[in-house]
Amino acid sequence: MTALEIAKHYFDLSNRSDFDEIAKLFTSTTTCSSQNTGVYLGVADIIDMQKEFLSKFQKLHWQVNSAEEVKPWHYPV
């Protein structure tokens, strides 16, 4: 899977609140940083954050209209 395919798969799983499958995308050393919610370290921390965040909404659906892979060493100008 490419990075973009993984991202699309992640949002598909998030729309179904499939935390077990989402967890399989991460490892104990994965980090997640959100401007709105903070920094999360490892799969357990990330899944806990997602459950808490999604519990605030009766229904939530992510729709991604476009995506672009940005390499850590190459930011667009």
Protein backbone atom coordinates (compact mmCIF):
# COMPACT_ATOMS: atom_id res chain seq x y z
CA MET A 1 0.00 0.00 0.00
CA THR A 2 1.17 3.50 -0.72
CA ALA A 3 1.02 6.23 1.91
CA LEU A 4 -2.06 7.70 0.20
CA GLU A 5 -3.81 4.31 0.11
CA ILE A 6 -3.09 3.84 3.81
CA ALA A 7 -4.49 7.31 4.56
CA LYS A 8 -7.68 6.55 2.59
CA HIS A 9 -8.01 3.19 4.35
CA TYR A 10 -7.57 4.95 7.71
CA PHE A 11 -10.43 7.37 7.00
CA ASP A 12 -12.66 4.55 5.74
CA LEU A 13 -12.02 2.67 9.01
CA SER A 14 -12.57 5.85 11.03
CA ASN A 15 -15.94 6.39 9.38
CA ARG A 16 -16.93 2.93 10.63
CA SER A 17 -15.31 3.51 14.06
CA ASP A 18 -13.44 0.25 13.52
CA PHE A 19 -10.85 0.76 16.25
CA ASP A 20 -9.51 -2.81 16.08
CA GLU A 21 -8.58 -2.42 12.41
CA ILE A 22 -7.33 1.14 12.92
CA ALA A 23 -5.01 -0.12 15.67
CA LYS A 24 -3.42 -2.52 13.17
CA LEU A 25 -2.17 0.49 11.18
CA PHE A 26 -0.04 1.70 14.12
CA THR A 27 2.82 0.39 16.25
CA SER A 28 3.99 1.08 19.78
CA THR A 29 6.32 3.76 18.38
CA THR A 30 3.80 5.52 16.13
CA THR A 31 3.19 9.17 16.94
CA CYS A 32 0.14 11.25 16.10
CA SER A 33 0.18 15.01 16.33
CA SER A 34 -2.96 17.13 16.08
CA GLN A 35 -3.11 20.89 16.19
CA ASN A 36 -6.47 20.56 17.93
CA THR A 37 -5.98 17.68 20.38
CA GLY A 38 -2.24 17.30 21.08
CA VAL A 39 0.47 14.69 20.62
CA TYR A 40 -0.11 10.96 21.13
CA LEU A 41 2.57 8.29 21.46
CA GLY A 42 1.93 4.66 20.53
CA VAL A 43 -1.08 2.73 19.35
CA ALA A 44 -2.88 2.59 22.72
CA ASP A 45 -2.62 6.36 23.24
CA ILE A 46 -3.77 7.07 19.68
CA ILE A 47 -6.78 4.73 19.91
CA ASP A 48 -7.78 6.19 23.30
CA MET A 49 -7.65 9.69 21.80
CA GLN A 50 -9.78 8.60 18.83
CA LYS A 51 -12.40 6.97 21.03
CA GLU A 52 -12.62 10.07 23.22
CA PHE A 53 -12.77 12.41 20.21
CA LEU A 54 -15.42 10.38 18.36
CA SER A 55 -17.55 10.01 21.49
CA LYS A 56 -18.25 13.76 21.32
CA PHE A 57 -20.28 13.31 18.13
CA GLN A 58 -23.52 11.47 17.55
CA LYS A 59 -22.44 10.88 13.95
CA LEU A 60 -19.23 11.79 12.19
CA HIS A 61 -18.15 11.16 8.59
CA TRP A 62 -14.79 12.14 7.13
CA GLN A 63 -14.80 12.93 3.43
CA VAL A 64 -11.42 13.39 1.79
CA ASN A 65 -11.68 15.20 -1.52
CA SER A 66 -7.98 15.27 -2.25
CA ALA A 67 -4.71 14.22 -0.68
CA GLU A 68 -1.04 14.70 -1.37
CA GLU A 69 1.88 12.84 0.13
CA VAL A 70 4.46 15.18 1.62
CA LYS A 71 7.83 13.66 2.45
CA PRO A 72 9.25 14.82 5.81
CA TRP A 73 12.29 16.22 4.05
CA HIS A 74 10.37 17.95 1.22
CA TYR A 75 7.69 20.52 2.03
CA PRO A 76 5.91 22.30 -0.82
CA VAL A 77 6.63 26.00 -1.20
